[in-house]
Every structure is written in C-alpha cells, then in structure tokens.
Amino acid sequence: MSDKNLSKRSQQVVWHPCSQMKQHENLPLISIVRGHGVWLYDADGNRYLDAISSWWVNLFGHCHPYINHALNDQLGKLEHVMLAGLTHEPVVLLSERLSKLTPGDLGHCFYASDGASATEIALKMSFHYWQQCGLTSKTDFISLQNGYHGETLGALSVTDVALFKQTYAPLLRHSQHMPSPDWRYAPQGESAENYALGAAHELENYLAEHHAHTAALILEPLVQGATGMAMYHPVYLQRAREICNQYQVLLIADEIAVGFGRTGTMFACEQASITPDFLCLSKGLSGGYLPLSVVLTTPTVFQAFYHDKTSQAFLHSHSHSGNALACRAALATLDLFEQNNAIETNRSKTNYLNQLSHPLQSHPKVKNFRNCGMIWAFEVITDDTAFTNTFFKKALEKKLLLRPLGNTVYFMPPYIINEEEMDWLVKSVVHILDTF
C-alpha cells in the first residue's frame, strides 16, 4: 500500500489528536511503517529523525531489542489481569523499583494508562485525603499559570491553556492559577532565582489567606511543557514545598513529561531536594511502548484510606490498571537506565549539543534559547500566523520530526541520539530558520 493511499484513508476514518483535520487536505499525513533508533521510516523509504520522541515518550529509541525481548517473553506468560483482588509479578517488581528510585518515602503506587488519568487520580486522592482527615473544607486546587496537566475534565480544570480550556469552561471546576516562575517573564537584570522567589512569595500570600479551603498545589517541576517549555529555577520547588507544609496543603508533582531523566536527573524534584506528596509519572515510564501511568504517594496518605470499611477506600479504577505487558516494558526501560548509565551519558550529550547550538543561540530569528537536561527550546521571531504548520512542514522536508508549540521550537530527542545525528539536527534547523 502506498504512503499516499494510507494517508487518505486515515484522514477519512481516524480523527487525529490535537489536529485540525481540514488542514490535512493540504498537509498530507505521513504514514510511518517502522522505526529504528531515533529514526522513523515512511512507506516510501524516507526516514525522519524523531527529535521530539513521539510526543516525549520514547527514551531509548524505537524498536529497542532489549524491550522487544522483554515483551516477547511476557507475552508467553501473562498479558493482563485485573488488579482488583489479584496481582502479578511485573506490577510488584515495578512498584518496588519505583519506590526505591523516587525521592523520599513514596512507597505506594496507583496505576492508570495515561498522564491525564494520573492527574485525575492525584486530584481525587488529595481531595479525598482531607475528607478522610475531617478537614472537609479543603476542596480547592491551585496550579501555575501556563501549566498543563491533561485534557480530561479534572485535569483541564487545573490547566491554564486557553486553546484547550476555553471551549469547555462551563464543564470545569474553578481553580486558581498562581504566578509562574518562568524566567522569561523576569524584568531585565533580574535573575531566574530571584524571579522564582518572587513567584513563591505570591504563592505564600495566597495560601496565607486561602489555605483552609485549599487541598493541593499541582505543578510541573522545572519545565512547563505544553505552553512552550517554560523553565524555572529549582528554588521555587523548595519554597513551594516549605509553604505547602506550613499551610497544610498537599503538593502534587506532575512529572509526566519531565520524569525519567529529561531534566538531567532521574526526577526533576531531585534538583530541589524535595519529596512531593504525590508524584505523577507516565510518558517515558514504559519507554514509549505501551500506555502506562502511575501516581506514587506517601504512607501518610495511604494510611488515611486503610480501614475496615470498603466505603473508606479509594474507590477509583481503570480496566487496564497495572497492565502486565506495560509494566514489563517499564521494567526493561529501567534496566536500560542502569545498563547504559543513561543519566551521566545524557549530561555529556547535553554539553555537546549546547556547544553545537551557538549558531542557533546567535541566530537573528531566535530568542530565549534555553536548556534543561535533554530538553532544548527557543522562540522564533516571526510574523507567520501559521508558523507551527509552516515550520512542521519545512522540518519534514529536511527529514526531521519537529512540532513547535506556538512559535516555540523544542528538541526532546531519544537518549540514544549520537553526535552525528545531533550535528545534523542543529544544522538542519539553522537552515530552516534562514528561510523565515
């Protein structure tokens, strides 16, 4: 089947996410038939460097032989069984490993299938916790301006992205958005650290007045992804943890996008030496193979639901919670971190790409070039009102998969990208920028 025919058929029957389907009349879908390493291949034999890890999920490349072997082995044993009243080895092993890897005492794992579902779990569980503790007035949530936590109704309520949120506003629960510590908003001459401290001061002022009604603060540690890879100083996380402790507000760390080495440490919270009350993980958790998410929480939260009565339990479920195949993929992914010394290796790659990026940083069309671990981003100065689609198309012509967020171009490549591929990525993007 030709690439062109499959693209047309897909457009007729598949409603693609985050897409205006009418635009695909002039921008045909690319039919991907296989993947290998950092590369995706279409039906015509063209290959594209997956510079955004297929929406930030792929850590060690496509069709990794080690993960493939683990899944083939698991297929011969158990594909799935419900977790209500039953258990299985992959979910136990994964929970034990995550509890050891994550900061502090996050010893209890609740599983779902995607990031938004993990957000829903954390929101419901934090609300329910205070109900169990008798503090029934603590029902409200706060989040950061320009934050993104998913597109189900609860997650959308704490998201601050008008494009996703405004249509559904009548369906959403009100939440308050705190000033973002994003250093791009700092006045000229003010450091990222001081700006973050100022934003934390605003958080403290709000909770001093409203803590009695606030259940939890949810935030994306260090990098706010969907609104343009906003980056901020770790001191904000330190102060947020202290302020939440002071005012009896639970802290939810949404590391769905930034966990598993993306920010330079296994988990972003480590850079602030804090432990949240809830840690939400997904995307890279299974190496990009299968849908899987998890919320880790503390013994204190767990004990609030530990009771003789079923009615006192956290009665929330997902049909594929703790899916055996997905858990086995996650275990294989964690093995690869150890086998490849991935965190340390990534630091060398980060330094290399930063050195390569001087032509980007100095390009007249670029502003706010920034980096955090294996994430790079910059804004493009342009009058093109269709910039996102224009750049996406130009990148495909260069055999790159890059999908800007507004006028923000970002790189989040798989960790196995090599120096030659990084060279080619940067040079190709400079050439694209020269056309604007």
Protein backbone atom coordinates (compact mmCIF):
# COMPACT_ATOMS: atom_id res chain seq x y z
CA MET A 1 0.00 0.00 0.00
CA SER A 2 1.41 3.39 -0.94
CA ASP A 3 2.07 6.13 1.57
CA LYS A 4 -0.37 8.44 -0.25
CA ASN A 5 -3.28 5.98 -0.17
CA LEU A 6 -2.86 5.18 3.52
CA SER A 7 -2.74 8.88 4.34
CA LYS A 8 -6.04 9.47 2.55
CA ARG A 9 -7.69 6.51 4.23
CA SER A 10 -6.50 7.67 7.65
CA GLN A 11 -7.90 11.14 7.06
CA GLN A 12 -11.30 9.66 6.27
CA VAL A 13 -11.64 7.39 9.32
CA VAL A 14 -9.11 8.45 12.00
CA TRP A 15 -9.78 11.61 13.99
CA HIS A 16 -6.23 12.62 14.87
CA PRO A 17 -5.43 14.30 18.22
CA CYS A 18 -4.53 17.97 18.56
CA SER A 19 -5.20 18.43 14.86
CA GLN A 20 -7.44 20.48 12.63
CA MET A 21 -8.40 17.70 10.23
CA LYS A 22 -9.24 20.12 7.38
CA GLN A 23 -5.60 21.23 7.27
CA HIS A 24 -4.60 17.73 6.20
CA GLU A 25 -6.20 18.39 2.83
CA ASN A 26 -3.06 20.41 2.07
CA LEU A 27 -0.66 18.79 4.55
CA PRO A 28 -0.91 15.02 3.99
CA LEU A 29 -0.40 12.70 6.91
CA ILE A 30 2.93 10.86 6.93
CA SER A 31 2.36 7.10 7.03
CA ILE A 32 5.00 5.57 9.29
CA VAL A 33 5.68 1.89 8.66
CA ARG A 34 8.59 1.20 11.01
CA GLY A 35 11.01 2.72 13.48
CA HIS A 36 14.59 2.05 14.44
CA GLY A 37 16.63 4.02 16.96
CA VAL A 38 15.96 7.74 16.59
CA TRP A 39 14.54 7.23 13.09
CA LEU A 40 11.02 6.76 11.73
CA TYR A 41 10.50 5.38 8.21
CA ASP A 42 7.58 6.03 5.89
CA ALA A 43 6.15 3.76 3.19
CA ASP A 44 8.28 5.43 0.51
CA GLY A 45 11.52 4.72 2.36
CA ASN A 46 12.08 8.23 3.67
CA ARG A 47 13.41 8.47 7.20
CA TYR A 48 12.75 11.20 9.77
CA LEU A 49 14.74 11.97 12.88
CA ASP A 50 12.27 11.80 15.78
CA ALA A 51 13.55 14.91 17.55
CA ILE A 52 10.56 15.09 19.92
CA SER A 53 10.50 11.43 20.98
CA SER A 54 7.00 10.95 19.54
CA TRP A 55 5.36 13.37 21.98
CA TRP A 56 8.07 12.93 24.63
CA VAL A 57 7.54 9.24 25.32
CA ASN A 58 10.41 7.44 23.60
CA LEU A 59 13.57 7.31 25.71
CA PHE A 60 15.85 4.67 24.18
CA GLY A 61 14.75 4.63 20.57
CA HIS A 62 12.16 2.83 18.50
CA CYS A 63 12.03 -0.98 18.46
CA HIS A 64 14.74 -1.39 21.05
CA PRO A 65 15.81 -5.06 21.03
CA TYR A 66 16.04 -5.32 24.82
CA ILE A 67 12.49 -4.03 25.40
CA ASN A 68 11.24 -6.13 22.47
CA HIS A 69 12.72 -9.25 24.06
CA ALA A 70 11.14 -8.47 27.44
CA LEU A 71 7.72 -8.02 25.86
CA ASN A 72 8.01 -11.21 23.82
CA ASP A 73 8.90 -13.09 27.00
CA GLN A 74 5.95 -11.56 28.88
CA LEU A 75 3.52 -12.41 26.06
CA GLY A 76 4.14 -16.06 26.74
CA LYS A 77 3.24 -15.69 30.42
CA LEU A 78 0.50 -13.11 31.05
CA GLU A 79 -0.81 -10.20 29.00
CA HIS A 80 -3.20 -8.67 31.57
CA VAL A 81 -5.24 -9.40 34.65
CA MET A 82 -7.33 -7.05 36.72
CA LEU A 83 -5.68 -5.68 39.86
CA ALA A 84 -8.84 -5.76 41.98
CA GLY A 85 -8.24 -8.74 44.26
CA LEU A 86 -5.37 -10.05 42.10
CA THR A 87 -1.75 -9.16 41.45
CA HIS A 88 1.18 -10.23 39.27
CA GLU A 89 4.96 -10.13 39.31
CA PRO A 90 5.64 -7.26 36.85
CA VAL A 91 3.47 -4.77 38.75
CA VAL A 92 5.02 -5.73 42.09
CA LEU A 93 8.58 -5.53 40.77
CA LEU A 94 7.91 -2.20 39.08
CA SER A 95 6.34 -0.72 42.20
CA GLU A 96 9.29 -1.82 44.32
CA ARG A 97 11.78 -0.31 41.90
CA LEU A 98 9.89 2.97 41.54
CA SER A 99 9.62 3.29 45.32
CA LYS A 100 13.41 2.95 45.60
CA LEU A 101 14.15 5.29 42.68
CA THR A 102 11.86 8.16 43.58
CA PRO A 103 12.79 10.77 46.19
CA GLY A 104 11.76 10.38 49.83
CA ASP A 105 9.18 7.91 51.05
CA LEU A 106 6.86 7.46 48.06
CA GLY A 107 6.11 3.84 48.74
CA HIS A 108 2.60 3.32 47.35
CA CYS A 109 1.80 3.09 43.62
CA PHE A 110 -1.62 3.53 41.98
CA TYR A 111 -1.67 2.72 38.25
CA ALA A 112 -3.58 4.01 35.23
CA SER A 113 -2.98 4.21 31.49
CA ASP A 114 -2.08 7.83 30.64
CA GLY A 115 -0.92 11.12 32.06
CA ALA A 116 -4.30 12.81 32.34
CA SER A 117 -5.62 9.80 34.26
CA ALA A 118 -2.69 10.10 36.66
CA THR A 119 -3.60 13.75 37.23
CA GLU A 120 -7.21 12.77 37.91
CA ILE A 121 -6.06 10.19 40.47
CA ALA A 122 -3.82 12.68 42.28
CA LEU A 123 -6.55 15.33 42.38
CA LYS A 124 -9.21 12.92 43.63
CA MET A 125 -6.89 11.30 46.13
CA SER A 126 -5.69 14.62 47.58
CA PHE A 127 -9.27 15.88 47.94
CA HIS A 128 -10.38 12.58 49.45
CA TYR A 129 -7.44 12.55 51.87
CA TRP A 130 -8.62 15.73 53.57
CA GLN A 131 -12.17 14.37 53.73
CA GLN A 132 -10.81 11.29 55.50
CA CYS A 133 -8.90 13.54 57.91
CA GLY A 134 -12.03 15.54 58.78
CA LEU A 135 -10.84 18.76 57.08
CA THR A 136 -13.82 18.81 54.75
CA SER A 137 -13.45 22.47 53.76
CA LYS A 138 -10.23 21.75 51.87
CA THR A 139 -11.77 21.22 48.43
CA ASP A 140 -9.99 23.65 46.12
CA PHE A 141 -6.91 23.29 43.92
CA ILE A 142 -4.24 25.71 42.80
CA SER A 143 -1.79 25.40 39.92
CA LEU A 144 0.63 27.56 37.98
CA GLN A 145 -0.17 30.00 35.21
CA ASN A 146 0.57 28.42 31.83
CA GLY A 147 0.58 24.97 33.40
CA TYR A 148 -0.66 21.88 31.58
CA HIS A 149 -1.87 18.68 33.26
CA GLY A 150 -4.05 16.93 30.69
CA GLU A 151 -7.36 17.32 28.92
CA THR A 152 -9.85 15.25 30.90
CA LEU A 153 -12.22 17.48 32.87
CA GLY A 154 -10.45 17.37 36.22
CA ALA A 155 -7.01 17.78 34.66
CA LEU A 156 -8.28 20.56 32.42
CA SER A 157 -9.61 22.41 35.45
CA VAL A 158 -6.05 22.86 36.75
CA THR A 159 -4.61 23.51 33.28
CA ASP A 160 -4.04 27.08 32.10
CA VAL A 161 -4.01 26.80 28.31
CA ALA A 162 -6.86 28.79 26.77
CA LEU A 163 -6.75 26.90 23.46
CA PHE A 164 -7.67 23.67 25.25
CA LYS A 165 -9.72 25.08 28.09
CA GLN A 166 -11.98 27.92 26.98
CA THR A 167 -14.46 25.81 24.99
CA TYR A 168 -15.10 23.54 27.97
CA ALA A 169 -15.13 26.24 30.65
CA PRO A 170 -18.79 25.61 31.61
CA LEU A 171 -17.93 21.99 32.42
CA LEU A 172 -14.87 22.72 34.54
CA ARG A 173 -14.34 23.23 38.23
CA HIS A 174 -12.81 26.60 39.10
CA SER A 175 -9.19 26.61 40.21
CA GLN A 176 -6.77 29.41 40.99
CA HIS A 177 -3.58 29.83 38.96
CA MET A 178 -0.50 31.13 40.76
CA PRO A 179 2.16 33.26 39.00
CA SER A 180 4.57 31.12 37.01
CA PRO A 181 8.27 31.23 37.95
CA ASP A 182 9.13 31.04 34.22
CA TRP A 183 12.29 33.17 33.97
CA ARG A 184 11.29 34.55 30.54
CA TYR A 185 8.92 36.89 32.37
CA ALA A 186 11.62 38.29 34.66
CA PRO A 187 12.36 42.02 34.31
CA GLN A 188 15.65 42.77 32.61
CA GLY A 189 18.50 42.28 35.04
CA GLU A 190 16.59 40.07 37.49
CA SER A 191 17.99 36.57 37.97
CA ALA A 192 15.97 33.41 37.40
CA GLU A 193 16.39 32.58 41.09
CA ASN A 194 15.09 35.92 42.34
CA TYR A 195 12.17 35.80 39.94
CA ALA A 196 11.28 32.32 41.19
CA LEU A 197 11.45 33.53 44.78
CA GLY A 198 9.09 36.36 43.91
CA ALA A 199 6.60 33.93 42.41
CA ALA A 200 6.88 31.76 45.53
CA HIS A 201 6.14 34.82 47.65
CA GLU A 202 2.88 35.30 45.74
CA LEU A 203 2.04 31.65 46.42
CA GLU A 204 2.70 32.19 50.12
CA ASN A 205 0.48 35.29 50.23
CA TYR A 206 -2.36 33.38 48.59
CA LEU A 207 -2.17 30.39 50.89
CA ALA A 208 -1.90 32.57 53.99
CA GLU A 209 -5.42 33.70 53.16
CA HIS A 210 -6.92 30.64 51.45
CA HIS A 211 -5.20 27.57 52.93
CA ALA A 212 -8.30 26.48 54.86
CA HIS A 213 -10.06 25.78 51.56
CA THR A 214 -7.07 24.53 49.53
CA ALA A 215 -6.48 20.80 49.13
CA ALA A 216 -3.40 20.76 46.89
CA LEU A 217 -0.99 22.62 44.65
CA ILE A 218 -0.19 20.85 41.37
CA LEU A 219 2.78 21.87 39.24
CA GLU A 220 5.21 20.66 36.58
CA PRO A 221 8.66 20.66 38.19
CA LEU A 222 11.33 22.77 36.43
CA VAL A 223 9.75 22.70 32.95
CA GLN A 224 6.18 23.63 31.99
CA GLY A 225 5.85 21.68 28.78
CA ALA A 226 2.79 22.28 26.63
CA THR A 227 2.84 26.08 26.78
CA GLY A 228 6.31 26.36 25.33
CA MET A 229 8.87 24.57 27.52
CA ALA A 230 8.90 27.26 30.21
CA MET A 231 11.86 26.66 32.53
CA TYR A 232 12.41 27.90 36.05
CA HIS A 233 14.84 27.78 38.96
CA PRO A 234 14.64 24.83 41.44
CA VAL A 235 14.38 27.26 44.36
CA TYR A 236 10.68 27.65 43.52
CA LEU A 237 10.12 23.97 44.26
CA GLN A 238 11.98 24.27 47.56
CA ARG A 239 9.85 27.21 48.68
CA ALA A 240 6.63 25.63 47.38
CA ARG A 241 7.33 22.52 49.49
CA GLU A 242 8.01 24.65 52.58
CA ILE A 243 4.91 26.78 52.03
CA CYS A 244 2.67 23.76 51.46
CA ASN A 245 3.98 22.19 54.67
CA GLN A 246 3.37 25.41 56.58
CA TYR A 247 -0.25 25.71 55.44
CA GLN A 248 -1.26 22.03 55.30
CA VAL A 249 -1.58 21.90 51.53
CA LEU A 250 -0.61 18.77 49.61
CA LEU A 251 1.94 19.06 46.80
CA ILE A 252 1.37 17.19 43.53
CA ALA A 253 4.41 16.96 41.25
CA ASP A 254 3.35 16.29 37.67
CA GLU A 255 6.49 14.70 36.22
CA ILE A 256 4.57 13.05 33.41
CA ALA A 257 6.73 14.82 30.82
CA VAL A 258 9.87 15.61 32.82
CA GLY A 259 10.44 12.40 34.76
CA PHE A 260 12.94 9.67 33.89
CA GLY A 261 15.96 11.79 33.16
CA ARG A 262 14.51 14.54 30.96
CA THR A 263 15.71 17.40 33.17
CA GLY A 264 19.15 15.95 33.87
CA THR A 265 18.28 13.96 36.99
CA MET A 266 16.10 10.88 37.20
CA PHE A 267 13.30 13.04 38.58
CA ALA A 268 13.12 16.83 38.41
CA CYS A 269 12.23 17.12 42.11
CA GLU A 270 15.69 15.82 42.97
CA GLN A 271 17.22 19.11 41.83
CA ALA A 272 15.35 20.87 44.61
CA SER A 273 15.89 18.05 47.15
CA ILE A 274 12.16 17.78 47.84
CA THR A 275 9.62 15.00 48.08
CA PRO A 276 6.07 15.76 46.89
CA ASP A 277 3.01 14.17 48.46
CA PHE A 278 2.06 12.79 45.04
CA LEU A 279 4.33 12.08 42.07
CA CYS A 280 2.61 11.57 38.70
CA LEU A 281 4.56 9.62 36.07
CA SER A 282 3.78 8.44 32.53
CA LYS A 283 5.19 9.03 29.00
CA GLY A 284 8.75 7.68 29.33
CA LEU A 285 7.70 5.22 32.04
CA SER A 286 7.29 2.39 29.52
CA GLY A 287 9.98 3.63 27.16
CA GLY A 288 7.34 4.83 24.71
CA TYR A 289 5.99 1.33 24.12
CA LEU A 290 2.64 0.98 25.89
CA PRO A 291 0.17 3.25 27.72
CA LEU A 292 1.03 3.33 31.42
CA SER A 293 0.92 5.87 34.23
CA VAL A 294 1.35 5.77 37.96
CA VAL A 295 0.80 8.00 40.97
CA LEU A 296 3.18 7.45 43.86
CA THR A 297 2.25 8.69 47.31
CA THR A 298 3.34 8.54 50.93
CA PRO A 299 2.48 6.17 53.80
CA THR A 300 0.66 9.08 55.46
CA VAL A 301 -1.77 9.39 52.55
CA PHE A 302 -2.11 5.62 52.20
CA GLN A 303 -2.95 5.16 55.88
CA ALA A 304 -5.82 7.64 55.64
CA PHE A 305 -7.61 5.14 53.38
CA TYR A 306 -6.59 1.98 55.27
CA HIS A 307 -9.81 1.00 57.05
CA ASP A 308 -12.13 -1.90 57.79
CA LYS A 309 -14.92 -0.34 55.74
CA THR A 310 -14.90 -0.55 51.95
CA SER A 311 -16.58 2.84 51.85
CA GLN A 312 -13.39 4.37 53.30
CA ALA A 313 -11.23 3.03 50.46
CA PHE A 314 -10.07 4.99 47.43
CA LEU A 315 -12.72 3.62 45.07
CA HIS A 316 -11.16 4.52 41.74
CA SER A 317 -10.28 2.08 38.99
CA HIS A 318 -9.01 1.61 35.44
CA SER A 319 -9.66 -1.59 33.48
CA HIS A 320 -6.00 -1.85 32.42
CA SER A 321 -4.50 -0.63 35.69
CA GLY A 322 -1.04 -2.12 36.12
CA ASN A 323 -1.18 -3.95 32.79
CA ALA A 324 1.40 -6.75 32.86
CA LEU A 325 2.83 -6.05 29.40
CA ALA A 326 3.18 -2.32 30.08
CA CYS A 327 4.80 -2.97 33.45
CA ARG A 328 7.26 -5.37 31.83
CA ALA A 329 8.16 -2.70 29.26
CA ALA A 330 8.71 -0.26 32.13
CA LEU A 331 10.97 -2.71 33.93
CA ALA A 332 13.03 -3.19 30.78
CA THR A 333 13.25 0.61 30.39
CA LEU A 334 14.57 0.95 33.94
CA ASP A 335 17.12 -1.78 33.17
CA LEU A 336 18.38 0.30 30.25
CA PHE A 337 18.97 3.28 32.53
CA GLU A 338 21.31 1.11 34.59
CA GLN A 339 22.96 -0.71 31.71
CA ASN A 340 23.68 2.48 29.76
CA ASN A 341 24.49 4.75 32.72
CA ALA A 342 21.92 6.93 30.98
CA ILE A 343 21.79 9.93 33.35
CA GLU A 344 25.55 10.51 33.21
CA THR A 345 25.71 9.80 29.46
CA ASN A 346 22.91 12.30 28.87
CA ARG A 347 24.91 15.01 30.62
CA SER A 348 27.73 14.55 28.11
CA LYS A 349 25.24 14.71 25.25
CA THR A 350 23.66 17.83 26.72
CA ASN A 351 27.04 19.55 26.84
CA TYR A 352 27.80 18.51 23.28
CA LEU A 353 24.51 19.77 21.84
CA ASN A 354 24.83 23.03 23.78
CA GLN A 355 28.22 23.60 22.18
CA LEU A 356 26.76 22.84 18.76
CA SER A 357 23.92 25.26 19.32
CA HIS A 358 25.88 28.52 19.19
CA PRO A 359 24.59 29.24 15.65
CA LEU A 360 21.06 28.80 16.99
CA GLN A 361 21.62 30.97 20.04
CA SER A 362 23.04 33.79 17.92
CA HIS A 363 20.55 33.48 15.07
CA PRO A 364 18.67 36.77 14.47
CA LYS A 365 15.32 34.95 14.44
CA VAL A 366 15.91 33.23 17.81
CA LYS A 367 15.27 34.46 21.33
CA ASN A 368 15.22 32.85 24.78
CA PHE A 369 17.36 29.86 23.84
CA ARG A 370 17.30 27.58 26.89
CA ASN A 371 18.17 24.11 28.03
CA CYS A 372 17.28 21.80 30.92
CA GLY A 373 18.75 18.32 30.71
CA MET A 374 17.63 16.66 27.47
CA ILE A 375 15.19 19.48 26.63
CA TRP A 376 16.09 22.45 24.44
CA ALA A 377 13.78 25.27 23.39
CA PHE A 378 13.73 28.72 21.82
CA GLU A 379 11.22 31.18 20.39
CA VAL A 380 11.27 32.14 16.72
CA ILE A 381 10.67 35.80 15.86
CA THR A 382 8.19 35.65 13.01
CA ASP A 383 5.10 37.29 11.54
CA ASP A 384 3.89 33.99 10.09
CA THR A 385 0.47 33.41 11.66
CA ALA A 386 0.64 29.76 10.59
CA PHE A 387 4.18 29.31 11.94
CA THR A 388 3.53 25.97 13.67
CA ASN A 389 2.37 24.27 10.47
CA THR A 390 4.91 26.09 8.30
CA PHE A 391 7.84 25.01 10.45
CA PHE A 392 6.49 21.48 10.83
CA LYS A 393 6.27 21.15 7.04
CA LYS A 394 9.74 22.63 6.47
CA ALA A 395 11.15 20.25 9.08
CA LEU A 396 9.57 17.24 7.33
CA GLU A 397 11.21 18.38 4.10
CA LYS A 398 14.51 18.23 6.00
CA LYS A 399 13.52 14.76 7.27
CA LEU A 400 13.01 15.99 10.83
CA LEU A 401 10.02 15.39 13.11
CA LEU A 402 9.65 18.70 14.97
CA ARG A 403 6.27 20.02 16.10
CA PRO A 404 6.52 23.58 17.51
CA LEU A 405 4.35 24.83 20.37
CA GLY A 406 3.15 28.15 19.01
CA ASN A 407 6.35 29.93 17.98
CA THR A 408 8.45 27.79 20.34
CA VAL A 409 10.67 25.20 18.70
CA TYR A 410 11.96 22.50 21.01
CA PHE A 411 14.12 19.38 20.92
CA MET A 412 13.39 16.35 23.12
CA PRO A 413 15.21 13.55 21.32
CA PRO A 414 15.57 9.94 22.44
CA TYR A 415 18.55 9.48 24.74
CA ILE A 416 20.36 7.30 22.19
CA ILE A 417 20.87 10.18 19.74
CA ASN A 418 24.52 10.31 18.71
CA GLU A 419 26.86 13.19 17.88
CA GLU A 420 26.43 12.87 14.12
CA GLU A 421 22.64 12.98 14.49
CA MET A 422 22.86 15.99 16.82
CA ASP A 423 25.10 17.79 14.30
CA TRP A 424 22.61 17.13 11.54
CA LEU A 425 19.65 18.23 13.70
CA VAL A 426 21.16 21.60 14.60
CA LYS A 427 22.44 22.38 11.10
CA SER A 428 19.09 21.48 9.56
CA VAL A 429 17.19 23.73 11.96
CA VAL A 430 19.55 26.65 11.25
CA HIS A 431 18.86 26.19 7.55
CA ILE A 432 15.11 26.19 8.22
CA LEU A 433 15.38 29.40 10.26
CA ASP A 434 17.24 31.06 7.41
CA THR A 435 14.10 30.69 5.27
CA PHE A 436 11.94 32.82 7.60
